[in-house]
Amino acid sequence: MSTKNRSDKSSSSTTTKDKYTIILPTYKERENLPIIIWLISTELEKCFIDYEVVIVEDNSPDGTLEVAQQLQKIYGEDKIKILSRPGKMGLGSAYMDGIKKSTGNWVILMDADLSHHPKFIPQFIEKQKKLDCEIVTGTRYQSGGGVFGWNLYRKLTSRVANYIASVLLTPGVSDLTGSFRLYRKDVLEKLITQNKSKGYVFQVEMMVRANQLGYQIGEVPITFVDRIFGVSNLDSGEIVGFLKSVLNLFMNIE
């Protein structure tokens, strides 16, 4: 792995007040969106954190866009920004499009389905400041972390898949497939432009390339809760596909 990029590191220090952009890609999240926005507002405002939420809406058929527009009226256009897209165009493009509407110097990526609780965001920020690192990722696999709502089979397959990916790719983090993360904005942009993977492996490659480029990554234990509303689609076929994609990444990573 490469040594630390000192020029990138030095640019992380700033005398201006930090602002955090939370990017929420949504597809059929009508029931979940009002709850996650309320939780974000509650948790961040009580900690006096300057934030905005960018909702990247992929033409959901359930009226998610209309709900987002109602929330924007309630919380204000300075707090809720909406990017409506014509359809599902991939996670990486959702993040990049969201960054274009962001005004924060830090970006938080999280799911809109209530799997990630915003109460951990202040801990992410505290960890970043303590380590002066460029990335903080939530982990289910350190003491204090965990998963709720999964049966034993799903927990086991997730741990095995994560372990195999870690052995092959040595990314330097304990939870490769997590999608609850804090990035310095310019670092996130750089990593996304280099990322060639899709699906669950997209998050894996983000950590592998970050480690390769010498960025420091902090970890915060989180509890992951399976979605309350809607359907979670992970099955054995997707696990096999994930492992094939990890092997392909191992063979082709530069």
C-alpha atoms as a PDB file:
ATOM      1  CA  MET A   1       0.000   0.000   0.000  1.00  0.00           C
ATOM      2  CA  SER A   2       1.134   3.567  -0.679  1.00  0.00           C
ATOM      3  CA  THR A   3       2.397   5.914   2.012  1.00  0.00           C
ATOM      4  CA  LYS A   4       0.241   8.720   3.299  1.00  0.00           C
ATOM      5  CA  ASN A   5      -0.535  11.438   0.770  1.00  0.00           C
ATOM      6  CA  ARG A   6       0.686  14.425   2.809  1.00  0.00           C
ATOM      7  CA  SER A   7      -0.613  17.064   0.419  1.00  0.00           C
ATOM      8  CA  ASP A   8      -4.109  15.593   0.696  1.00  0.00           C
ATOM      9  CA  LYS A   9      -3.727  15.348   4.473  1.00  0.00           C
ATOM     10  CA  SER A  10      -2.743  18.959   4.943  1.00  0.00           C
ATOM     11  CA  SER A  11      -5.824  20.167   3.114  1.00  0.00           C
ATOM     12  CA  SER A  12      -8.083  18.520   5.707  1.00  0.00           C
ATOM     13  CA  SER A  13      -7.249  21.198   8.261  1.00  0.00           C
ATOM     14  CA  THR A  14      -9.502  24.209   8.086  1.00  0.00           C
ATOM     15  CA  THR A  15     -10.146  27.360  10.060  1.00  0.00           C
ATOM     16  CA  THR A  16     -13.711  27.605   8.787  1.00  0.00           C
ATOM     17  CA  LYS A  17     -16.691  25.946  10.452  1.00  0.00           C
ATOM     18  CA  ASP A  18     -17.330  22.454   9.172  1.00  0.00           C
ATOM     19  CA  LYS A  19     -20.591  21.711   7.398  1.00  0.00           C
ATOM     20  CA  TYR A  20     -21.884  18.197   6.821  1.00  0.00           C
ATOM     21  CA  THR A  21     -23.891  17.134   3.779  1.00  0.00           C
ATOM     22  CA  ILE A  22     -25.902  13.934   4.242  1.00  0.00           C
ATOM     23  CA  ILE A  23     -26.643  12.234   0.925  1.00  0.00           C
ATOM     24  CA  LEU A  24     -29.719   9.982   0.973  1.00  0.00           C
ATOM     25  CA  PRO A  25     -30.308   7.963  -2.210  1.00  0.00           C
ATOM     26  CA  THR A  26     -33.973   6.933  -2.240  1.00  0.00           C
ATOM     27  CA  TYR A  27     -36.111   4.466  -4.131  1.00  0.00           C
ATOM     28  CA  LYS A  28     -39.514   3.527  -2.708  1.00  0.00           C
ATOM     29  CA  GLU A  29     -38.844   5.044   0.725  1.00  0.00           C
ATOM     30  CA  ARG A  30     -42.156   6.851   1.219  1.00  0.00           C
ATOM     31  CA  GLU A  31     -42.720   5.491   4.732  1.00  0.00           C
ATOM     32  CA  ASN A  32     -39.117   5.700   5.902  1.00  0.00           C
ATOM     33  CA  LEU A  33     -38.150   9.151   4.641  1.00  0.00           C
ATOM     34  CA  PRO A  34     -40.106  11.301   7.142  1.00  0.00           C
ATOM     35  CA  ILE A  35     -38.729   9.253  10.040  1.00  0.00           C
ATOM     36  CA  ILE A  36     -35.080   9.360   8.966  1.00  0.00           C
ATOM     37  CA  ILE A  37     -35.265  13.113   8.295  1.00  0.00           C
ATOM     38  CA  TRP A  38     -36.796  13.710  11.735  1.00  0.00           C
ATOM     39  CA  LEU A  39     -34.084  11.592  13.365  1.00  0.00           C
ATOM     40  CA  ILE A  40     -31.314  13.418  11.492  1.00  0.00           C
ATOM     41  CA  SER A  41     -32.721  16.794  12.498  1.00  0.00           C
ATOM     42  CA  THR A  42     -33.159  15.763  16.139  1.00  0.00           C
ATOM     43  CA  GLU A  43     -29.731  14.191  16.600  1.00  0.00           C
ATOM     44  CA  LEU A  44     -27.689  16.839  14.789  1.00  0.00           C
ATOM     45  CA  GLU A  45     -29.428  19.954  16.033  1.00  0.00           C
ATOM     46  CA  LYS A  46     -29.074  18.956  19.670  1.00  0.00           C
ATOM     47  CA  CYS A  47     -25.307  18.725  19.027  1.00  0.00           C
ATOM     48  CA  PHE A  48     -25.276  22.083  17.154  1.00  0.00           C
ATOM     49  CA  ILE A  49     -23.954  20.440  13.980  1.00  0.00           C
ATOM     50  CA  ASP A  50     -24.268  22.446  10.769  1.00  0.00           C
ATOM     51  CA  TYR A  51     -25.843  20.140   8.197  1.00  0.00           C
ATOM     52  CA  GLU A  52     -27.961  19.730   5.093  1.00  0.00           C
ATOM     53  CA  VAL A  53     -29.640  16.684   3.552  1.00  0.00           C
ATOM     54  CA  VAL A  54     -29.518  15.979  -0.177  1.00  0.00           C
ATOM     55  CA  ILE A  55     -32.233  13.516  -1.209  1.00  0.00           C
ATOM     56  CA  VAL A  56     -31.336  11.819  -4.506  1.00  0.00           C
ATOM     57  CA  GLU A  57     -34.680  10.447  -5.676  1.00  0.00           C
ATOM     58  CA  ASP A  58     -34.698   7.838  -8.470  1.00  0.00           C
ATOM     59  CA  ASN A  59     -38.267   8.174  -9.756  1.00  0.00           C
ATOM     60  CA  SER A  60     -39.906   5.992  -7.122  1.00  0.00           C
ATOM     61  CA  PRO A  61     -43.395   4.771  -8.078  1.00  0.00           C
ATOM     62  CA  ASP A  62     -44.691   5.060  -4.488  1.00  0.00           C
ATOM     63  CA  GLY A  63     -44.651   8.861  -4.185  1.00  0.00           C
ATOM     64  CA  THR A  64     -41.313   9.242  -2.396  1.00  0.00           C
ATOM     65  CA  LEU A  65     -40.603  12.433  -4.345  1.00  0.00           C
ATOM     66  CA  GLU A  66     -43.849  14.039  -3.183  1.00  0.00           C
ATOM     67  CA  VAL A  67     -43.003  13.146   0.420  1.00  0.00           C
ATOM     68  CA  ALA A  68     -39.535  14.677  -0.018  1.00  0.00           C
ATOM     69  CA  GLN A  69     -41.100  17.880  -1.330  1.00  0.00           C
ATOM     70  CA  GLN A  70     -43.423  18.061   1.684  1.00  0.00           C
ATOM     71  CA  LEU A  71     -40.460  17.586   4.023  1.00  0.00           C
ATOM     72  CA  GLN A  72     -38.597  20.365   2.234  1.00  0.00           C
ATOM     73  CA  LYS A  73     -41.484  22.721   2.994  1.00  0.00           C
ATOM     74  CA  ILE A  74     -41.413  21.712   6.656  1.00  0.00           C
ATOM     75  CA  TYR A  75     -37.657  21.856   7.284  1.00  0.00           C
ATOM     76  CA  GLY A  76     -36.704  24.496   4.719  1.00  0.00           C
ATOM     77  CA  GLU A  77     -34.781  24.488   1.445  1.00  0.00           C
ATOM     78  CA  ASP A  78     -31.553  25.254   3.311  1.00  0.00           C
ATOM     79  CA  LYS A  79     -31.838  21.921   5.160  1.00  0.00           C
ATOM     80  CA  ILE A  80     -33.495  19.682   2.558  1.00  0.00           C
ATOM     81  CA  LYS A  81     -32.331  19.650  -1.047  1.00  0.00           C
ATOM     82  CA  ILE A  82     -33.905  17.367  -3.640  1.00  0.00           C
ATOM     83  CA  LEU A  83     -32.400  15.934  -6.795  1.00  0.00           C
ATOM     84  CA  SER A  84     -34.977  14.102  -8.903  1.00  0.00           C
ATOM     85  CA  ARG A  85     -33.532  11.640 -11.426  1.00  0.00           C
ATOM     86  CA  PRO A  86     -35.312   9.751 -14.220  1.00  0.00           C
ATOM     87  CA  GLY A  87     -34.647   6.295 -12.761  1.00  0.00           C
ATOM     88  CA  LYS A  88     -32.216   4.042 -10.906  1.00  0.00           C
ATOM     89  CA  MET A  89     -28.782   4.971 -12.227  1.00  0.00           C
ATOM     90  CA  GLY A  90     -26.463   3.345  -9.708  1.00  0.00           C
ATOM     91  CA  LEU A  91     -25.124   4.165  -6.276  1.00  0.00           C
ATOM     92  CA  GLY A  92     -21.933   5.829  -7.438  1.00  0.00           C
ATOM     93  CA  SER A  93     -23.767   8.233  -9.733  1.00  0.00           C
ATOM     94  CA  ALA A  94     -26.272   8.996  -6.962  1.00  0.00           C
ATOM     95  CA  TYR A  95     -23.417  10.008  -4.690  1.00  0.00           C
ATOM     96  CA  MET A  96     -21.698  12.080  -7.379  1.00  0.00           C
ATOM     97  CA  ASP A  97     -24.927  13.837  -8.324  1.00  0.00           C
ATOM     98  CA  GLY A  98     -25.604  14.481  -4.645  1.00  0.00           C
ATOM     99  CA  ILE A  99     -22.140  15.975  -4.167  1.00  0.00           C
ATOM    100  CA  LYS A 100     -22.862  18.475  -6.949  1.00  0.00           C
ATOM    101  CA  LYS A 101     -25.764  19.869  -4.901  1.00  0.00           C
ATOM    102  CA  SER A 102     -23.839  19.838  -1.634  1.00  0.00           C
ATOM    103  CA  THR A 103     -22.399  22.862   0.128  1.00  0.00           C
ATOM    104  CA  GLY A 104     -20.680  20.983   2.967  1.00  0.00           C
ATOM    105  CA  ASN A 105     -16.971  20.248   3.160  1.00  0.00           C
ATOM    106  CA  TRP A 106     -17.755  16.828   4.634  1.00  0.00           C
ATOM    107  CA  VAL A 107     -20.186  14.248   3.223  1.00  0.00           C
ATOM    108  CA  ILE A 108     -22.060  11.556   5.141  1.00  0.00           C
ATOM    109  CA  LEU A 109     -23.392   8.579   3.215  1.00  0.00           C
ATOM    110  CA  MET A 110     -26.170   6.556   4.807  1.00  0.00           C
ATOM    111  CA  ASP A 111     -29.256   4.557   3.899  1.00  0.00           C
ATOM    112  CA  ALA A 112     -32.713   6.095   4.012  1.00  0.00           C
ATOM    113  CA  ASP A 113     -34.415   2.874   5.158  1.00  0.00           C
ATOM    114  CA  LEU A 114     -33.694   3.335   8.894  1.00  0.00           C
ATOM    115  CA  SER A 115     -30.913   0.740   8.865  1.00  0.00           C
ATOM    116  CA  HIS A 116     -28.496   3.466  10.014  1.00  0.00           C
ATOM    117  CA  HIS A 117     -29.408   5.560  13.043  1.00  0.00           C
ATOM    118  CA  PRO A 118     -28.302   9.215  12.867  1.00  0.00           C
ATOM    119  CA  LYS A 119     -27.370   9.092  16.563  1.00  0.00           C
ATOM    120  CA  PHE A 120     -23.988   7.741  15.437  1.00  0.00           C
ATOM    121  CA  ILE A 121     -23.192  10.781  13.279  1.00  0.00           C
ATOM    122  CA  PRO A 122     -21.853  12.897  16.199  1.00  0.00           C
ATOM    123  CA  GLN A 123     -19.607   9.940  17.079  1.00  0.00           C
ATOM    124  CA  PHE A 124     -18.313   9.845  13.498  1.00  0.00           C
ATOM    125  CA  ILE A 125     -17.496  13.557  13.693  1.00  0.00           C
ATOM    126  CA  GLU A 126     -15.815  13.173  17.080  1.00  0.00           C
ATOM    127  CA  LYS A 127     -13.704  10.279  15.764  1.00  0.00           C
ATOM    128  CA  GLN A 128     -12.676  12.273  12.671  1.00  0.00           C
ATOM    129  CA  LYS A 129     -11.558  15.222  14.753  1.00  0.00           C
ATOM    130  CA  LYS A 130      -9.712  13.014  17.223  1.00  0.00           C
ATOM    131  CA  LEU A 131      -7.759  11.163  14.513  1.00  0.00           C
ATOM    132  CA  ASP A 132      -7.669  14.024  11.975  1.00  0.00           C
ATOM    133  CA  CYS A 133      -8.583  11.369   9.402  1.00  0.00           C
ATOM    134  CA  GLU A 134     -10.191  11.689   5.985  1.00  0.00           C
ATOM    135  CA  ILE A 135     -12.774   8.910   6.375  1.00  0.00           C
ATOM    136  CA  VAL A 136     -14.813   7.411   9.200  1.00  0.00           C
ATOM    137  CA  THR A 137     -16.802   4.226   8.625  1.00  0.00           C
ATOM    138  CA  GLY A 138     -19.384   2.542  10.788  1.00  0.00           C
ATOM    139  CA  THR A 139     -18.636  -1.056  11.698  1.00  0.00           C
ATOM    140  CA  ARG A 140     -20.923  -3.863  12.798  1.00  0.00           C
ATOM    141  CA  TYR A 141     -17.970  -6.087  13.633  1.00  0.00           C
ATOM    142  CA  GLN A 142     -16.215  -4.329  16.513  1.00  0.00           C
ATOM    143  CA  SER A 143     -17.159  -4.394  20.188  1.00  0.00           C
ATOM    144  CA  GLY A 144     -20.307  -2.328  20.630  1.00  0.00           C
ATOM    145  CA  GLY A 145     -21.510  -2.938  17.078  1.00  0.00           C
ATOM    146  CA  GLY A 146     -24.050  -5.447  15.864  1.00  0.00           C
ATOM    147  CA  VAL A 147     -26.937  -6.374  13.605  1.00  0.00           C
ATOM    148  CA  PHE A 148     -30.628  -6.592  14.512  1.00  0.00           C
ATOM    149  CA  GLY A 149     -33.426  -8.108  12.448  1.00  0.00           C
ATOM    150  CA  TRP A 150     -31.339 -10.682  10.569  1.00  0.00           C
ATOM    151  CA  ASN A 151     -31.723 -14.416  11.019  1.00  0.00           C
ATOM    152  CA  LEU A 152     -28.713 -16.615  11.812  1.00  0.00           C
ATOM    153  CA  TYR A 153     -28.211 -17.610   8.160  1.00  0.00           C
ATOM    154  CA  ARG A 154     -28.008 -14.036   6.971  1.00  0.00           C
ATOM    155  CA  LYS A 155     -25.675 -13.011   9.797  1.00  0.00           C
ATOM    156  CA  LEU A 156     -23.405 -15.968   9.060  1.00  0.00           C
ATOM    157  CA  THR A 157     -23.262 -15.378   5.305  1.00  0.00           C
ATOM    158  CA  SER A 158     -22.561 -11.691   5.861  1.00  0.00           C
ATOM    159  CA  ARG A 159     -19.686 -12.408   8.248  1.00  0.00           C
ATOM    160  CA  VAL A 160     -18.194 -15.071   5.981  1.00  0.00           C
ATOM    161  CA  ALA A 161     -18.450 -12.844   2.909  1.00  0.00           C
ATOM    162  CA  ASN A 162     -16.883  -9.949   4.814  1.00  0.00           C
ATOM    163  CA  TYR A 163     -14.093 -12.195   6.097  1.00  0.00           C
ATOM    164  CA  ILE A 164     -13.248 -13.573   2.638  1.00  0.00           C
ATOM    165  CA  ALA A 165     -13.184 -10.058   1.182  1.00  0.00           C
ATOM    166  CA  SER A 166     -10.942  -8.861   4.013  1.00  0.00           C
ATOM    167  CA  VAL A 167      -8.463 -11.707   3.522  1.00  0.00           C
ATOM    168  CA  LEU A 168      -8.261 -11.162  -0.240  1.00  0.00           C
ATOM    169  CA  LEU A 169      -8.181  -7.373  -0.254  1.00  0.00           C
ATOM    170  CA  THR A 170      -6.642  -6.378   3.130  1.00  0.00           C
ATOM    171  CA  PRO A 171      -8.499  -3.059   3.236  1.00  0.00           C
ATOM    172  CA  GLY A 172      -7.567  -2.067   6.774  1.00  0.00           C
ATOM    173  CA  VAL A 173     -11.157  -1.896   8.102  1.00  0.00           C
ATOM    174  CA  SER A 174     -13.309  -4.456   9.891  1.00  0.00           C
ATOM    175  CA  ASP A 175     -16.588  -3.864   7.990  1.00  0.00           C
ATOM    176  CA  LEU A 176     -16.074  -3.761   4.235  1.00  0.00           C
ATOM    177  CA  THR A 177     -19.649  -3.713   3.026  1.00  0.00           C
ATOM    178  CA  GLY A 178     -21.037  -1.039   5.317  1.00  0.00           C
ATOM    179  CA  SER A 179     -22.497   2.049   3.661  1.00  0.00           C
ATOM    180  CA  PHE A 180     -22.682   4.385   6.687  1.00  0.00           C
ATOM    181  CA  ARG A 181     -19.614   6.587   6.290  1.00  0.00           C
ATOM    182  CA  LEU A 182     -18.187  10.083   6.663  1.00  0.00           C
ATOM    183  CA  TYR A 183     -15.830  11.380   3.957  1.00  0.00           C
ATOM    184  CA  ARG A 184     -13.989  14.590   3.364  1.00  0.00           C
ATOM    185  CA  LYS A 185     -15.738  15.784   0.225  1.00  0.00           C
ATOM    186  CA  ASP A 186     -12.734  15.995  -2.092  1.00  0.00           C
ATOM    187  CA  VAL A 187     -11.607  12.530  -0.976  1.00  0.00           C
ATOM    188  CA  LEU A 188     -15.032  11.065  -1.711  1.00  0.00           C
ATOM    189  CA  GLU A 189     -15.039  12.600  -5.188  1.00  0.00           C
ATOM    190  CA  LYS A 190     -11.607  11.151  -5.923  1.00  0.00           C
ATOM    191  CA  LEU A 191     -12.528   7.663  -4.724  1.00  0.00           C
ATOM    192  CA  ILE A 192     -15.781   7.541  -6.683  1.00  0.00           C
ATOM    193  CA  THR A 193     -14.058   8.525  -9.931  1.00  0.00           C
ATOM    194  CA  GLN A 194     -11.651   5.605  -9.473  1.00  0.00           C
ATOM    195  CA  ASN A 195     -14.288   3.074  -8.428  1.00  0.00           C
ATOM    196  CA  LYS A 196     -15.246   0.529 -11.120  1.00  0.00           C
ATOM    197  CA  SER A 197     -17.524  -1.758  -9.077  1.00  0.00           C
ATOM    198  CA  LYS A 198     -21.302  -1.952  -8.788  1.00  0.00           C
ATOM    199  CA  GLY A 199     -23.718  -3.246  -6.177  1.00  0.00           C
ATOM    200  CA  TYR A 200     -22.429  -4.266  -2.760  1.00  0.00           C
ATOM    201  CA  VAL A 201     -18.827  -4.414  -4.002  1.00  0.00           C
ATOM    202  CA  PHE A 202     -18.934  -0.669  -4.671  1.00  0.00           C
ATOM    203  CA  GLN A 203     -18.562  -0.047  -0.920  1.00  0.00           C
ATOM    204  CA  VAL A 204     -15.773  -2.625  -0.702  1.00  0.00           C
ATOM    205  CA  GLU A 205     -13.749  -0.981  -3.441  1.00  0.00           C
ATOM    206  CA  MET A 206     -14.163   2.425  -1.787  1.00  0.00           C
ATOM    207  CA  MET A 207     -12.301   1.148   1.282  1.00  0.00           C
ATOM    208  CA  VAL A 208      -9.700  -0.762  -0.728  1.00  0.00           C
ATOM    209  CA  ARG A 209      -8.832   2.267  -2.833  1.00  0.00           C
ATOM    210  CA  ALA A 210      -8.835   4.588   0.182  1.00  0.00           C
ATOM    211  CA  ASN A 211      -6.320   2.317   1.874  1.00  0.00           C
ATOM    212  CA  GLN A 212      -4.297   2.101  -1.329  1.00  0.00           C
ATOM    213  CA  LEU A 213      -4.119   5.877  -1.595  1.00  0.00           C
ATOM    214  CA  GLY A 214      -2.976   6.168   1.995  1.00  0.00           C
ATOM    215  CA  TYR A 215      -6.029   7.830   3.496  1.00  0.00           C
ATOM    216  CA  GLN A 216      -6.541   7.315   7.201  1.00  0.00           C
ATOM    217  CA  ILE A 217      -9.811   5.585   8.100  1.00  0.00           C
ATOM    218  CA  GLY A 218     -11.399   5.698  11.532  1.00  0.00           C
ATOM    219  CA  GLU A 219     -14.037   3.221  12.680  1.00  0.00           C
ATOM    220  CA  VAL A 220     -17.047   3.660  14.954  1.00  0.00           C
ATOM    221  CA  PRO A 221     -19.097   0.670  16.185  1.00  0.00           C
ATOM    222  CA  ILE A 222     -22.711   0.929  15.028  1.00  0.00           C
ATOM    223  CA  THR A 223     -25.855  -1.144  15.323  1.00  0.00           C
ATOM    224  CA  PHE A 224     -27.416  -1.997  11.977  1.00  0.00           C
ATOM    225  CA  VAL A 225     -31.175  -2.570  11.985  1.00  0.00           C
ATOM    226  CA  ASP A 226     -32.864  -4.356   9.083  1.00  0.00           C
ATOM    227  CA  ARG A 227     -35.379  -2.142   7.295  1.00  0.00           C
ATOM    228  CA  ILE A 228     -38.786  -1.725   8.945  1.00  0.00           C
ATOM    229  CA  PHE A 229     -40.793  -0.696   5.874  1.00  0.00           C
ATOM    230  CA  GLY A 230     -40.242  -2.168   2.411  1.00  0.00           C
ATOM    231  CA  VAL A 231     -38.448  -5.300   1.287  1.00  0.00           C
ATOM    232  CA  SER A 232     -34.827  -6.297   1.793  1.00  0.00           C
ATOM    233  CA  ASN A 233     -33.714  -8.235  -1.256  1.00  0.00           C
ATOM    234  CA  LEU A 234     -30.438  -9.880  -0.220  1.00  0.00           C
ATOM    235  CA  ASP A 235     -30.462 -13.581  -1.065  1.00  0.00           C
ATOM    236  CA  SER A 236     -27.980 -16.434  -1.598  1.00  0.00           C
ATOM    237  CA  GLY A 237     -27.641 -15.570  -5.287  1.00  0.00           C
ATOM    238  CA  GLU A 238     -26.519 -12.068  -4.391  1.00  0.00           C
ATOM    239  CA  ILE A 239     -23.997 -13.457  -1.914  1.00  0.00           C
ATOM    240  CA  VAL A 240     -22.477 -15.632  -4.666  1.00  0.00           C
ATOM    241  CA  GLY A 241     -22.441 -12.656  -6.999  1.00  0.00           C
ATOM    242  CA  PHE A 242     -20.750 -10.575  -4.292  1.00  0.00           C
ATOM    243  CA  LEU A 243     -17.985 -13.138  -3.813  1.00  0.00           C
ATOM    244  CA  LYS A 244     -17.400 -13.369  -7.568  1.00  0.00           C
ATOM    245  CA  SER A 245     -17.138  -9.592  -7.762  1.00  0.00           C
ATOM    246  CA  VAL A 246     -14.707  -9.510  -4.831  1.00  0.00           C
ATOM    247  CA  LEU A 247     -12.522 -12.085  -6.579  1.00  0.00           C
ATOM    248  CA  ASN A 248     -12.642 -10.013  -9.757  1.00  0.00           C
ATOM    249  CA  LEU A 249     -11.646  -6.924  -7.784  1.00  0.00           C
ATOM    250  CA  PHE A 250      -8.760  -8.856  -6.199  1.00  0.00           C
ATOM    251  CA  MET A 251      -7.522  -9.903  -9.642  1.00  0.00           C
ATOM    252  CA  ASN A 252      -7.802  -6.470 -11.216  1.00  0.00           C
ATOM    253  CA  ILE A 253      -7.117  -3.900  -8.491  1.00  0.00           C
ATOM    254  CA  GLU A 254      -4.113  -1.781  -9.459  1.00  0.00           C
END
